[in-house]
Amino acid sequence: MNFWESLWSIFVAFLFIAYLLLLFQIISDLLRDKALNGGIKALWILCLFVAPFISALIYVILRGKGMALRNELRFRESVDETEKYIRQVAGAPSPTQQIESAKALLAAGDINEEEYARLKALALA
């Protein structure tokens, strides 16, 4: 096997892997799309297996924008869930708890009135 045959094999393998990634992305988008009914989804999947390259190209042209929007929405939901979980696990104190702890520090003499007012303003902000 010479250099050009090796290079061609690498190029073909790259295209095949890229196509598989696109195919899995399309199928997962089809299965997650709630706007399409089961018959349309089955028809798209059948087309993807009968005429894979043409139907993948048509799918990306016709439904690519919606595919990107659904992907972005799924990403944002994931980020929101992660942030909610982090806040829950971190156990950030409520503003009332922050003011109470600042008042306890003031009563103990660890902070003065100005610092208490600043902490109270931060808690209420």
PDB file of N, CA and C in Angstrom:
ATOM      1  N   MET A   1       0.851  -1.167   0.000  1.00  0.00           N
ATOM      2  CA  MET A   1       0.000   0.000   0.000  1.00  0.00           C
ATOM      3  C   MET A   1       0.901   1.236   0.000  1.00  0.00           C
ATOM      4  N   ASN A   2       0.735   2.067  -0.996  1.00  0.00           N
ATOM      5  CA  ASN A   2       1.578   3.253  -1.078  1.00  0.00           C
ATOM      6  C   ASN A   2       0.946   4.421  -0.314  1.00  0.00           C
ATOM      7  N   PHE A   3       1.612   5.556  -0.358  1.00  0.00           N
ATOM      8  CA  PHE A   3       1.185   6.730   0.398  1.00  0.00           C
ATOM      9  C   PHE A   3      -0.201   7.203  -0.010  1.00  0.00           C
ATOM     10  N   TRP A   4      -0.474   7.271  -1.306  1.00  0.00           N
ATOM     11  CA  TRP A   4      -1.754   7.802  -1.781  1.00  0.00           C
ATOM     12  C   TRP A   4      -2.911   6.876  -1.429  1.00  0.00           C
ATOM     13  N   GLU A   5      -2.686   5.581  -1.485  1.00  0.00           N
ATOM     14  CA  GLU A   5      -3.735   4.641  -1.076  1.00  0.00           C
ATOM     15  C   GLU A   5      -4.022   4.768   0.419  1.00  0.00           C
ATOM     16  N   SER A   6      -2.985   4.950   1.208  1.00  0.00           N
ATOM     17  CA  SER A   6      -3.170   5.144   2.650  1.00  0.00           C
ATOM     18  C   SER A   6      -3.927   6.439   2.926  1.00  0.00           C
ATOM     19  N   LEU A   7      -3.532   7.490   2.245  1.00  0.00           N
ATOM     20  CA  LEU A   7      -4.215   8.775   2.412  1.00  0.00           C
ATOM     21  C   LEU A   7      -5.676   8.671   1.997  1.00  0.00           C
ATOM     22  N   TRP A   8      -5.948   7.980   0.891  1.00  0.00           N
ATOM     23  CA  TRP A   8      -7.322   7.796   0.438  1.00  0.00           C
ATOM     24  C   TRP A   8      -8.129   6.993   1.459  1.00  0.00           C
ATOM     25  N   SER A   9      -7.534   5.943   2.025  1.00  0.00           N
ATOM     26  CA  SER A   9      -8.220   5.132   3.036  1.00  0.00           C
ATOM     27  C   SER A   9      -8.559   5.956   4.272  1.00  0.00           C
ATOM     28  N   ILE A  10      -7.638   6.808   4.689  1.00  0.00           N
ATOM     29  CA  ILE A  10      -7.890   7.670   5.843  1.00  0.00           C
ATOM     30  C   ILE A  10      -9.025   8.643   5.525  1.00  0.00           C
ATOM     31  N   PHE A  11      -9.027   9.200   4.321  1.00  0.00           N
ATOM     32  CA  PHE A  11     -10.068  10.140   3.918  1.00  0.00           C
ATOM     33  C   PHE A  11     -11.437   9.465   3.872  1.00  0.00           C
ATOM     34  N   VAL A  12     -11.500   8.278   3.310  1.00  0.00           N
ATOM     35  CA  VAL A  12     -12.766   7.534   3.230  1.00  0.00           C
ATOM     36  C   VAL A  12     -13.247   7.167   4.632  1.00  0.00           C
ATOM     37  N   ALA A  13     -12.346   6.756   5.503  1.00  0.00           N
ATOM     38  CA  ALA A  13     -12.725   6.426   6.879  1.00  0.00           C
ATOM     39  C   ALA A  13     -13.258   7.664   7.601  1.00  0.00           C
ATOM     40  N   PHE A  14     -12.630   8.803   7.378  1.00  0.00           N
ATOM     41  CA  PHE A  14     -13.104  10.051   7.969  1.00  0.00           C
ATOM     42  C   PHE A  14     -14.517  10.381   7.502  1.00  0.00           C
ATOM     43  N   LEU A  15     -14.754  10.280   6.189  1.00  0.00           N
ATOM     44  CA  LEU A  15     -16.091  10.567   5.660  1.00  0.00           C
ATOM     45  C   LEU A  15     -17.130   9.597   6.204  1.00  0.00           C
ATOM     46  N   PHE A  16     -16.764   8.338   6.330  1.00  0.00           N
ATOM     47  CA  PHE A  16     -17.696   7.337   6.849  1.00  0.00           C
ATOM     48  C   PHE A  16     -18.058   7.635   8.308  1.00  0.00           C
ATOM     49  N   ILE A  17     -17.071   7.969   9.117  1.00  0.00           N
ATOM     50  CA  ILE A  17     -17.326   8.292  10.523  1.00  0.00           C
ATOM     51  C   ILE A  17     -18.156   9.569  10.632  1.00  0.00           C
ATOM     52  N   ALA A  18     -17.864  10.556   9.794  1.00  0.00           N
ATOM     53  CA  ALA A  18     -18.649  11.792   9.792  1.00  0.00           C
ATOM     54  C   ALA A  18     -20.091  11.512   9.404  1.00  0.00           C
ATOM     55  N   TYR A  19     -20.293  10.637   8.421  1.00  0.00           N
ATOM     56  CA  TYR A  19     -21.646  10.284   8.034  1.00  0.00           C
ATOM     57  C   TYR A  19     -22.370   9.558   9.167  1.00  0.00           C
ATOM     58  N   LEU A  20     -21.694   8.630   9.832  1.00  0.00           N
ATOM     59  CA  LEU A  20     -22.326   7.926  10.949  1.00  0.00           C
ATOM     60  C   LEU A  20     -22.733   8.885  12.060  1.00  0.00           C
ATOM     61  N   LEU A  21     -21.874   9.855  12.358  1.00  0.00           N
ATOM     62  CA  LEU A  21     -22.219  10.849  13.373  1.00  0.00           C
ATOM     63  C   LEU A  21     -23.452  11.648  12.948  1.00  0.00           C
ATOM     64  N   LEU A  22     -23.506  12.041  11.693  1.00  0.00           N
ATOM     65  CA  LEU A  22     -24.664  12.765  11.177  1.00  0.00           C
ATOM     66  C   LEU A  22     -25.914  11.891  11.232  1.00  0.00           C
ATOM     67  N   LEU A  23     -25.781  10.636  10.884  1.00  0.00           N
ATOM     68  CA  LEU A  23     -26.916   9.720  10.908  1.00  0.00           C
ATOM     69  C   LEU A  23     -27.450   9.554  12.330  1.00  0.00           C
ATOM     70  N   PHE A  24     -26.575   9.365  13.301  1.00  0.00           N
ATOM     71  CA  PHE A  24     -27.014   9.229  14.691  1.00  0.00           C
ATOM     72  C   PHE A  24     -27.649  10.525  15.191  1.00  0.00           C
ATOM     73  N   GLN A  25     -27.118  11.656  14.776  1.00  0.00           N
ATOM     74  CA  GLN A  25     -27.686  12.950  15.165  1.00  0.00           C
ATOM     75  C   GLN A  25     -29.088  13.107  14.582  1.00  0.00           C
ATOM     76  N   ILE A  26     -29.260  12.731  13.343  1.00  0.00           N
ATOM     77  CA  ILE A  26     -30.572  12.841  12.698  1.00  0.00           C
ATOM     78  C   ILE A  26     -31.576  11.910  13.362  1.00  0.00           C
ATOM     79  N   ILE A  27     -31.179  10.670  13.613  1.00  0.00           N
ATOM     80  CA  ILE A  27     -32.101   9.712  14.234  1.00  0.00           C
ATOM     81  C   ILE A  27     -32.472  10.159  15.643  1.00  0.00           C
ATOM     82  N   SER A  28     -31.508  10.640  16.416  1.00  0.00           N
ATOM     83  CA  SER A  28     -31.841  11.102  17.764  1.00  0.00           C
ATOM     84  C   SER A  28     -32.733  12.335  17.708  1.00  0.00           C
ATOM     85  N   ASP A  29     -32.523  13.220  16.729  1.00  0.00           N
ATOM     86  CA  ASP A  29     -33.389  14.382  16.579  1.00  0.00           C
ATOM     87  C   ASP A  29     -34.800  13.953  16.192  1.00  0.00           C
ATOM     88  N   LEU A  30     -34.906  12.982  15.318  1.00  0.00           N
ATOM     89  CA  LEU A  30     -36.225  12.485  14.924  1.00  0.00           C
ATOM     90  C   LEU A  30     -36.970  11.904  16.116  1.00  0.00           C
ATOM     91  N   LEU A  31     -36.293  11.095  16.899  1.00  0.00           N
ATOM     92  CA  LEU A  31     -36.954  10.434  18.020  1.00  0.00           C
ATOM     93  C   LEU A  31     -37.307  11.399  19.142  1.00  0.00           C
ATOM     94  N   ARG A  32     -36.591  12.512  19.266  1.00  0.00           N
ATOM     95  CA  ARG A  32     -36.875  13.486  20.316  1.00  0.00           C
ATOM     96  C   ARG A  32     -37.874  14.555  19.886  1.00  0.00           C
ATOM     97  N   ASP A  33     -38.139  14.661  18.610  1.00  0.00           N
ATOM     98  CA  ASP A  33     -39.038  15.706  18.114  1.00  0.00           C
ATOM     99  C   ASP A  33     -40.482  15.316  18.425  1.00  0.00           C
ATOM    100  N   LYS A  34     -41.134  16.146  19.217  1.00  0.00           N
ATOM    101  CA  LYS A  34     -42.509  15.866  19.622  1.00  0.00           C
ATOM    102  C   LYS A  34     -43.526  16.361  18.609  1.00  0.00           C
ATOM    103  N   ALA A  35     -43.097  17.165  17.654  1.00  0.00           N
ATOM    104  CA  ALA A  35     -44.021  17.714  16.665  1.00  0.00           C
ATOM    105  C   ALA A  35     -44.387  16.692  15.585  1.00  0.00           C
ATOM    106  N   LEU A  36     -43.504  15.729  15.336  1.00  0.00           N
ATOM    107  CA  LEU A  36     -43.769  14.727  14.305  1.00  0.00           C
ATOM    108  C   LEU A  36     -44.488  13.524  14.906  1.00  0.00           C
ATOM    109  N   ASN A  37     -45.394  12.936  14.103  1.00  0.00           N
ATOM    110  CA  ASN A  37     -46.041  11.720  14.579  1.00  0.00           C
ATOM    111  C   ASN A  37     -45.181  10.499  14.229  1.00  0.00           C
ATOM    112  N   GLY A  38     -45.580   9.344  14.716  1.00  0.00           N
ATOM    113  CA  GLY A  38     -44.790   8.128  14.533  1.00  0.00           C
ATOM    114  C   GLY A  38     -44.621   7.705  13.095  1.00  0.00           C
ATOM    115  N   GLY A  39     -45.646   7.907  12.272  1.00  0.00           N
ATOM    116  CA  GLY A  39     -45.560   7.509  10.871  1.00  0.00           C
ATOM    117  C   GLY A  39     -44.514   8.300  10.105  1.00  0.00           C
ATOM    118  N   ILE A  40     -44.472   9.590  10.344  1.00  0.00           N
ATOM    119  CA  ILE A  40     -43.481  10.443   9.666  1.00  0.00           C
ATOM    120  C   ILE A  40     -42.073  10.068  10.136  1.00  0.00           C
ATOM    121  N   LYS A  41     -41.939   9.812  11.429  1.00  0.00           N
ATOM    122  CA  LYS A  41     -40.625   9.409  11.953  1.00  0.00           C
ATOM    123  C   LYS A  41     -40.173   8.102  11.316  1.00  0.00           C
ATOM    124  N   ALA A  42     -41.088   7.142  11.219  1.00  0.00           N
ATOM    125  CA  ALA A  42     -40.753   5.855  10.604  1.00  0.00           C
ATOM    126  C   ALA A  42     -40.384   6.027   9.136  1.00  0.00           C
ATOM    127  N   LEU A  43     -41.094   6.908   8.440  1.00  0.00           N
ATOM    128  CA  LEU A  43     -40.793   7.168   7.030  1.00  0.00           C
ATOM    129  C   LEU A  43     -39.406   7.778   6.865  1.00  0.00           C
ATOM    130  N   TRP A  44     -39.053   8.737   7.723  1.00  0.00           N
ATOM    131  CA  TRP A  44     -37.720   9.337   7.660  1.00  0.00           C
ATOM    132  C   TRP A  44     -36.644   8.284   7.928  1.00  0.00           C
ATOM    133  N   ILE A  45     -36.850   7.453   8.932  1.00  0.00           N
ATOM    134  CA  ILE A  45     -35.853   6.426   9.255  1.00  0.00           C
ATOM    135  C   ILE A  45     -35.726   5.420   8.117  1.00  0.00           C
ATOM    136  N   LEU A  46     -36.852   5.042   7.519  1.00  0.00           N
ATOM    137  CA  LEU A  46     -36.813   4.137   6.364  1.00  0.00           C
ATOM    138  C   LEU A  46     -36.032   4.771   5.214  1.00  0.00           C
ATOM    139  N   CYS A  47     -36.287   6.046   4.955  1.00  0.00           N
ATOM    140  CA  CYS A  47     -35.548   6.743   3.892  1.00  0.00           C
ATOM    141  C   CYS A  47     -34.055   6.805   4.208  1.00  0.00           C
ATOM    142  N   LEU A  48     -33.721   6.990   5.481  1.00  0.00           N
ATOM    143  CA  LEU A  48     -32.306   7.052   5.857  1.00  0.00           C
ATOM    144  C   LEU A  48     -31.595   5.728   5.610  1.00  0.00           C
ATOM    145  N   PHE A  49     -32.325   4.606   5.671  1.00  0.00           N
ATOM    146  CA  PHE A  49     -31.693   3.317   5.422  1.00  0.00           C
ATOM    147  C   PHE A  49     -31.758   2.906   3.964  1.00  0.00           C
ATOM    148  N   VAL A  50     -32.759   3.385   3.223  1.00  0.00           N
ATOM    149  CA  VAL A  50     -32.887   3.028   1.811  1.00  0.00           C
ATOM    150  C   VAL A  50     -31.970   3.892   0.946  1.00  0.00           C
ATOM    151  N   ALA A  51     -32.041   5.198   1.131  1.00  0.00           N
ATOM    152  CA  ALA A  51     -31.208   6.136   0.371  1.00  0.00           C
ATOM    153  C   ALA A  51     -30.507   7.046   1.375  1.00  0.00           C
ATOM    154  N   PRO A  52     -29.454   6.545   2.008  1.00  0.00           N
ATOM    155  CA  PRO A  52     -28.894   7.241   3.166  1.00  0.00           C
ATOM    156  C   PRO A  52     -28.330   8.634   2.878  1.00  0.00           C
ATOM    157  N   PHE A  53     -27.550   8.791   1.859  1.00  0.00           N
ATOM    158  CA  PHE A  53     -26.889  10.080   1.634  1.00  0.00           C
ATOM    159  C   PHE A  53     -27.871  11.159   1.189  1.00  0.00           C
ATOM    160  N   ILE A  54     -28.749  10.806   0.265  1.00  0.00           N
ATOM    161  CA  ILE A  54     -29.713  11.771  -0.246  1.00  0.00           C
ATOM    162  C   ILE A  54     -30.701  12.173   0.846  1.00  0.00           C
ATOM    163  N   SER A  55     -31.224  11.192   1.587  1.00  0.00           N
ATOM    164  CA  SER A  55     -32.212  11.524   2.615  1.00  0.00           C
ATOM    165  C   SER A  55     -31.576  12.301   3.772  1.00  0.00           C
ATOM    166  N   ALA A  56     -30.322  12.010   4.119  1.00  0.00           N
ATOM    167  CA  ALA A  56     -29.643  12.791   5.153  1.00  0.00           C
ATOM    168  C   ALA A  56     -29.453  14.229   4.686  1.00  0.00           C
ATOM    169  N   LEU A  57     -29.084  14.401   3.447  1.00  0.00           N
ATOM    170  CA  LEU A  57     -28.922  15.745   2.891  1.00  0.00           C
ATOM    171  C   LEU A  57     -30.255  16.496   2.868  1.00  0.00           C
ATOM    172  N   ILE A  58     -31.312  15.820   2.456  1.00  0.00           N
ATOM    173  CA  ILE A  58     -32.636  16.450   2.422  1.00  0.00           C
ATOM    174  C   ILE A  58     -33.087  16.800   3.839  1.00  0.00           C
ATOM    175  N   TYR A  59     -32.847  15.903   4.793  1.00  0.00           N
ATOM    176  CA  TYR A  59     -33.244  16.162   6.181  1.00  0.00           C
ATOM    177  C   TYR A  59     -32.534  17.399   6.719  1.00  0.00           C
ATOM    178  N   VAL A  60     -31.243  17.491   6.476  1.00  0.00           N
ATOM    179  CA  VAL A  60     -30.481  18.638   6.976  1.00  0.00           C
ATOM    180  C   VAL A  60     -30.951  19.930   6.311  1.00  0.00           C
ATOM    181  N   ILE A  61     -31.281  19.867   5.039  1.00  0.00           N
ATOM    182  CA  ILE A  61     -31.756  21.066   4.343  1.00  0.00           C
ATOM    183  C   ILE A  61     -33.137  21.475   4.854  1.00  0.00           C
ATOM    184  N   LEU A  62     -34.056  20.521   4.972  1.00  0.00           N
ATOM    185  CA  LEU A  62     -35.428  20.846   5.354  1.00  0.00           C
ATOM    186  C   LEU A  62     -35.602  21.109   6.844  1.00  0.00           C
ATOM    187  N   ARG A  63     -34.925  20.353   7.670  1.00  0.00           N
ATOM    188  CA  ARG A  63     -35.175  20.425   9.105  1.00  0.00           C
ATOM    189  C   ARG A  63     -33.945  20.825   9.909  1.00  0.00           C
ATOM    190  N   GLY A  64     -32.912  21.317   9.259  1.00  0.00           N
ATOM    191  CA  GLY A  64     -31.668  21.658   9.947  1.00  0.00           C
ATOM    192  C   GLY A  64     -31.824  22.776  10.965  1.00  0.00           C
ATOM    193  N   LYS A  65     -32.596  23.806  10.627  1.00  0.00           N
ATOM    194  CA  LYS A  65     -32.786  24.927  11.549  1.00  0.00           C
ATOM    195  C   LYS A  65     -33.534  24.474  12.800  1.00  0.00           C
ATOM    196  N   GLY A  66     -34.598  23.710  12.608  1.00  0.00           N
ATOM    197  CA  GLY A  66     -35.341  23.176  13.752  1.00  0.00           C
ATOM    198  C   GLY A  66     -34.494  22.223  14.575  1.00  0.00           C
ATOM    199  N   MET A  67     -33.643  21.462  13.905  1.00  0.00           N
ATOM    200  CA  MET A  67     -32.740  20.540  14.583  1.00  0.00           C
ATOM    201  C   MET A  67     -31.786  21.316  15.484  1.00  0.00           C
ATOM    202  N   ALA A  68     -31.268  22.415  14.984  1.00  0.00           N
ATOM    203  CA  ALA A  68     -30.358  23.243  15.774  1.00  0.00           C
ATOM    204  C   ALA A  68     -31.093  23.882  16.952  1.00  0.00           C
ATOM    205  N   LEU A  69     -32.316  24.343  16.738  1.00  0.00           N
ATOM    206  CA  LEU A  69     -33.090  24.953  17.821  1.00  0.00           C
ATOM    207  C   LEU A  69     -33.418  23.936  18.909  1.00  0.00           C
ATOM    208  N   ARG A  70     -33.804  22.719  18.510  1.00  0.00           N
ATOM    209  CA  ARG A  70     -34.093  21.679  19.506  1.00  0.00           C
ATOM    210  C   ARG A  70     -32.840  21.297  20.274  1.00  0.00           C
ATOM    211  N   ASN A  71     -31.706  21.258  19.587  1.00  0.00           N
ATOM    212  CA  ASN A  71     -30.444  20.938  20.244  1.00  0.00           C
ATOM    213  C   ASN A  71     -30.069  22.033  21.248  1.00  0.00           C
ATOM    214  N   GLU A  72     -30.260  23.296  20.861  1.00  0.00           N
ATOM    215  CA  GLU A  72     -29.965  24.422  21.761  1.00  0.00           C
ATOM    216  C   GLU A  72     -30.897  24.396  22.969  1.00  0.00           C
ATOM    217  N   LEU A  73     -32.175  24.114  22.746  1.00  0.00           N
ATOM    218  CA  LEU A  73     -33.133  24.039  23.845  1.00  0.00           C
ATOM    219  C   LEU A  73     -32.762  22.927  24.817  1.00  0.00           C
ATOM    220  N   ARG A  74     -32.383  21.780  24.279  1.00  0.00           N
ATOM    221  CA  ARG A  74     -31.971  20.649  25.122  1.00  0.00           C
ATOM    222  C   ARG A  74     -30.723  21.017  25.919  1.00  0.00           C
ATOM    223  N   PHE A  75     -29.796  21.738  25.303  1.00  0.00           N
ATOM    224  CA  PHE A  75     -28.577  22.161  25.993  1.00  0.00           C
ATOM    225  C   PHE A  75     -28.904  23.134  27.121  1.00  0.00           C
ATOM    226  N   ARG A  76     -29.790  24.102  26.842  1.00  0.00           N
ATOM    227  CA  ARG A  76     -30.162  25.077  27.871  1.00  0.00           C
ATOM    228  C   ARG A  76     -30.878  24.413  29.038  1.00  0.00           C
ATOM    229  N   GLU A  77     -31.755  23.452  28.749  1.00  0.00           N
ATOM    230  CA  GLU A  77     -32.426  22.719  29.823  1.00  0.00           C
ATOM    231  C   GLU A  77     -31.416  21.966  30.669  1.00  0.00           C
ATOM    232  N   SER A  78     -30.422  21.383  30.031  1.00  0.00           N
ATOM    233  CA  SER A  78     -29.386  20.665  30.758  1.00  0.00           C
ATOM    234  C   SER A  78     -28.591  21.601  31.655  1.00  0.00           C
ATOM    235  N   VAL A  79     -28.251  22.774  31.147  1.00  0.00           N
ATOM    236  CA  VAL A  79     -27.508  23.757  31.945  1.00  0.00           C
ATOM    237  C   VAL A  79     -28.357  24.230  33.122  1.00  0.00           C
ATOM    238  N   ASP A  80     -29.644  24.497  32.877  1.00  0.00           N
ATOM    239  CA  ASP A  80     -30.527  24.939  33.962  1.00  0.00           C
ATOM    240  C   ASP A  80     -30.653  23.876  35.051  1.00  0.00           C
ATOM    241  N   GLU A  81     -30.804  22.613  34.636  1.00  0.00           N
ATOM    242  CA  GLU A  81     -30.899  21.532  35.614  1.00  0.00           C
ATOM    243  C   GLU A  81     -29.606  21.398  36.411  1.00  0.00           C
ATOM    244  N   THR A  82     -28.474  21.550  35.745  1.00  0.00           N
ATOM    245  CA  THR A  82     -27.193  21.460  36.434  1.00  0.00           C
ATOM    246  C   THR A  82     -27.034  22.591  37.435  1.00  0.00           C
ATOM    247  N   GLU A  83     -27.382  23.812  37.032  1.00  0.00           N
ATOM    248  CA  GLU A  83     -27.281  24.951  37.944  1.00  0.00           C
ATOM    249  C   GLU A  83     -28.228  24.789  39.126  1.00  0.00           C
ATOM    250  N   LYS A  84     -29.421  24.290  38.874  1.00  0.00           N
ATOM    251  CA  LYS A  84     -30.391  24.060  39.958  1.00  0.00           C
ATOM    252  C   LYS A  84     -29.845  23.027  40.940  1.00  0.00           C
ATOM    253  N   TYR A  85     -29.253  21.969  40.416  1.00  0.00           N
ATOM    254  CA  TYR A  85     -28.686  20.932  41.270  1.00  0.00           C
ATOM    255  C   TYR A  85     -27.522  21.486  42.099  1.00  0.00           C
ATOM    256  N   ILE A  86     -26.668  22.284  41.481  1.00  0.00           N
ATOM    257  CA  ILE A  86     -25.521  22.857  42.200  1.00  0.00           C
ATOM    258  C   ILE A  86     -26.000  23.772  43.315  1.00  0.00           C
ATOM    259  N   ARG A  87     -27.012  24.590  43.023  1.00  0.00           N
ATOM    260  CA  ARG A  87     -27.556  25.470  44.071  1.00  0.00           C
ATOM    261  C   ARG A  87     -28.147  24.656  45.215  1.00  0.00           C
ATOM    262  N   GLN A  88     -28.829  23.572  44.874  1.00  0.00           N
ATOM    263  CA  GLN A  88     -29.446  22.727  45.888  1.00  0.00           C
ATOM    264  C   GLN A  88     -28.387  22.048  46.755  1.00  0.00           C
ATOM    265  N   VAL A  89     -27.348  21.534  46.130  1.00  0.00           N
ATOM    266  CA  VAL A  89     -26.298  20.833  46.874  1.00  0.00           C
ATOM    267  C   VAL A  89     -25.451  21.812  47.681  1.00  0.00           C
ATOM    268  N   ALA A  90     -25.194  22.983  47.119  1.00  0.00           N
ATOM    269  CA  ALA A  90     -24.378  23.972  47.822  1.00  0.00           C
ATOM    270  C   ALA A  90     -25.097  24.506  49.049  1.00  0.00           C
ATOM    271  N   GLY A  91     -26.405  24.509  49.026  1.00  0.00           N
ATOM    272  CA  GLY A  91     -27.176  24.950  50.185  1.00  0.00           C
ATOM    273  C   GLY A  91     -26.950  26.409  50.516  1.00  0.00           C
ATOM    274  N   ALA A  92     -27.045  27.257  49.518  1.00  0.00           N
ATOM    275  CA  ALA A  92     -26.850  28.692  49.750  1.00  0.00           C
ATOM    276  C   ALA A  92     -27.907  29.191  50.732  1.00  0.00           C
ATOM    277  N   PRO A  93     -27.469  29.942  51.736  1.00  0.00           N
ATOM    278  CA  PRO A  93     -28.439  30.429  52.727  1.00  0.00           C
ATOM    279  C   PRO A  93     -29.377  31.468  52.122  1.00  0.00           C
ATOM    280  N   SER A  94     -30.576  31.509  52.661  1.00  0.00           N
ATOM    281  CA  SER A  94     -31.562  32.491  52.196  1.00  0.00           C
ATOM    282  C   SER A  94     -31.182  33.871  52.725  1.00  0.00           C
ATOM    283  N   PRO A  95     -31.756  34.931  52.169  1.00  0.00           N
ATOM    284  CA  PRO A  95     -31.461  36.278  52.676  1.00  0.00           C
ATOM    285  C   PRO A  95     -31.778  36.428  54.168  1.00  0.00           C
ATOM    286  N   THR A  96     -32.851  35.804  54.616  1.00  0.00           N
ATOM    287  CA  THR A  96     -33.204  35.874  56.036  1.00  0.00           C
ATOM    288  C   THR A  96     -32.118  35.248  56.894  1.00  0.00           C
ATOM    289  N   GLN A  97     -31.617  34.097  56.457  1.00  0.00           N
ATOM    290  CA  GLN A  97     -30.546  33.428  57.215  1.00  0.00           C
ATOM    291  C   GLN A  97     -29.274  34.268  57.213  1.00  0.00           C
ATOM    292  N   GLN A  98     -28.976  34.917  56.092  1.00  0.00           N
ATOM    293  CA  GLN A  98     -27.784  35.762  56.023  1.00  0.00           C
ATOM    294  C   GLN A  98     -27.910  36.951  56.970  1.00  0.00           C
ATOM    295  N   ILE A  99     -29.079  37.562  57.018  1.00  0.00           N
ATOM    296  CA  ILE A  99     -29.283  38.704  57.914  1.00  0.00           C
ATOM    297  C   ILE A  99     -29.207  38.260  59.372  1.00  0.00           C
ATOM    298  N   GLU A 100     -29.779  37.092  59.674  1.00  0.00           N
ATOM    299  CA  GLU A 100     -29.718  36.576  61.052  1.00  0.00           C
ATOM    300  C   GLU A 100     -28.280  36.314  61.479  1.00  0.00           C
ATOM    301  N   SER A 101     -27.475  35.731  60.586  1.00  0.00           N
ATOM    302  CA  SER A 101     -26.079  35.465  60.947  1.00  0.00           C
ATOM    303  C   SER A 101     -25.300  36.779  61.092  1.00  0.00           C
ATOM    304  N   ALA A 102     -25.616  37.772  60.264  1.00  0.00           N
ATOM    305  CA  ALA A 102     -24.957  39.075  60.405  1.00  0.00           C
ATOM    306  C   ALA A 102     -25.361  39.726  61.726  1.00  0.00           C
ATOM    307  N   LYS A 103     -26.631  39.587  62.115  1.00  0.00           N
ATOM    308  CA  LYS A 103     -27.104  40.148  63.386  1.00  0.00           C
ATOM    309  C   LYS A 103     -26.414  39.460  64.560  1.00  0.00           C
ATOM    310  N   ALA A 104     -26.185  38.142  64.446  1.00  0.00           N
ATOM    311  CA  ALA A 104     -25.477  37.415  65.498  1.00  0.00           C
ATOM    312  C   ALA A 104     -24.034  37.903  65.602  1.00  0.00           C
ATOM    313  N   LEU A 105     -23.405  38.161  64.460  1.00  0.00           N
ATOM    314  CA  LEU A 105     -22.041  38.690  64.475  1.00  0.00           C
ATOM    315  C   LEU A 105     -22.001  40.074  65.109  1.00  0.00           C
ATOM    316  N   LEU A 106     -23.024  40.886  64.823  1.00  0.00           N
ATOM    317  CA  LEU A 106     -23.111  42.226  65.410  1.00  0.00           C
ATOM    318  C   LEU A 106     -23.293  42.131  66.925  1.00  0.00           C
ATOM    319  N   ALA A 107     -24.148  41.212  67.354  1.00  0.00           N
ATOM    320  CA  ALA A 107     -24.393  41.050  68.789  1.00  0.00           C
ATOM    321  C   ALA A 107     -23.154  40.542  69.510  1.00  0.00           C
ATOM    322  N   ALA A 108     -22.365  39.719  68.822  1.00  0.00           N
ATOM    323  CA  ALA A 108     -21.148  39.187  69.436  1.00  0.00           C
ATOM    324  C   ALA A 108     -20.026  40.218  69.426  1.00  0.00           C
ATOM    325  N   GLY A 109     -20.214  41.306  68.682  1.00  0.00           N
ATOM    326  CA  GLY A 109     -19.199  42.342  68.618  1.00  0.00           C
ATOM    327  C   GLY A 109     -18.115  42.077  67.594  1.00  0.00           C
ATOM    328  N   ASP A 110     -18.328  41.093  66.713  1.00  0.00           N
ATOM    329  CA  ASP A 110     -17.330  40.775  65.687  1.00  0.00           C
ATOM    330  C   ASP A 110     -17.357  41.770  64.527  1.00  0.00           C
ATOM    331  N   ILE A 111     -18.496  42.402  64.303  1.00  0.00           N
ATOM    332  CA  ILE A 111     -18.593  43.419  63.255  1.00  0.00           C
ATOM    333  C   ILE A 111     -19.265  44.657  63.838  1.00  0.00           C
ATOM    334  N   ASN A 112     -19.103  45.790  63.171  1.00  0.00           N
ATOM    335  CA  ASN A 112     -19.733  47.024  63.650  1.00  0.00           C
ATOM    336  C   ASN A 112     -21.012  47.288  62.847  1.00  0.00           C
ATOM    337  N   GLU A 113     -21.679  48.395  63.141  1.00  0.00           N
ATOM    338  CA  GLU A 113     -22.953  48.740  62.505  1.00  0.00           C
ATOM    339  C   GLU A 113     -22.819  48.919  60.997  1.00  0.00           C
ATOM    340  N   GLU A 114     -21.713  49.534  60.554  1.00  0.00           N
ATOM    341  CA  GLU A 114     -21.513  49.764  59.118  1.00  0.00           C
ATOM    342  C   GLU A 114     -21.395  48.438  58.371  1.00  0.00           C
ATOM    343  N   GLU A 115     -20.618  47.515  58.930  1.00  0.00           N
ATOM    344  CA  GLU A 115     -20.457  46.207  58.292  1.00  0.00           C
ATOM    345  C   GLU A 115     -21.781  45.448  58.295  1.00  0.00           C
ATOM    346  N   TYR A 116     -22.535  45.565  59.372  1.00  0.00           N
ATOM    347  CA  TYR A 116     -23.850  44.915  59.437  1.00  0.00           C
ATOM    348  C   TYR A 116     -24.768  45.478  58.355  1.00  0.00           C
ATOM    349  N   ALA A 117     -24.781  46.790  58.190  1.00  0.00           N
ATOM    350  CA  ALA A 117     -25.621  47.412  57.170  1.00  0.00           C
ATOM    351  C   ALA A 117     -25.201  46.962  55.769  1.00  0.00           C
ATOM    352  N   ARG A 118     -23.898  46.836  55.548  1.00  0.00           N
ATOM    353  CA  ARG A 118     -23.397  46.387  54.240  1.00  0.00           C
ATOM    354  C   ARG A 118     -23.819  44.935  53.974  1.00  0.00           C
ATOM    355  N   LEU A 119     -23.650  44.059  54.993  1.00  0.00           N
ATOM    356  CA  LEU A 119     -24.043  42.666  54.840  1.00  0.00           C
ATOM    357  C   LEU A 119     -25.552  42.533  54.612  1.00  0.00           C
ATOM    358  N   LYS A 120     -26.331  43.342  55.306  1.00  0.00           N
ATOM    359  CA  LYS A 120     -27.775  43.315  55.141  1.00  0.00           C
ATOM    360  C   LYS A 120     -28.156  43.753  53.728  1.00  0.00           C
ATOM    361  N   ALA A 121     -27.490  44.793  53.212  1.00  0.00           N
ATOM    362  CA  ALA A 121     -27.767  45.257  51.856  1.00  0.00           C
ATOM    363  C   ALA A 121     -27.397  44.190  50.822  1.00  0.00           C
ATOM    364  N   LEU A 122     -26.272  43.492  51.045  1.00  0.00           N
ATOM    365  CA  LEU A 122     -25.874  42.415  50.136  1.00  0.00           C
ATOM    366  C   LEU A 122     -26.883  41.268  50.154  1.00  0.00           C
ATOM    367  N   ALA A 123     -27.389  40.931  51.340  1.00  0.00           N
ATOM    368  CA  ALA A 123     -28.357  39.848  51.455  1.00  0.00           C
ATOM    369  C   ALA A 123     -29.669  40.201  50.768  1.00  0.00           C
ATOM    370  N   LEU A 124     -30.055  41.438  50.836  1.00  0.00           N
ATOM    371  CA  LEU A 124     -31.325  41.869  50.239  1.00  0.00           C
ATOM    372  C   LEU A 124     -31.205  42.158  48.747  1.00  0.00           C
ATOM    373  N   ALA A 125     -30.005  42.273  48.234  1.00  0.00           N
ATOM    374  CA  ALA A 125     -29.801  42.593  46.815  1.00  0.00           C
ATOM    375  C   ALA A 125     -30.084  41.414  45.915  1.00  0.00           C
TER     376      ALA A 125
END
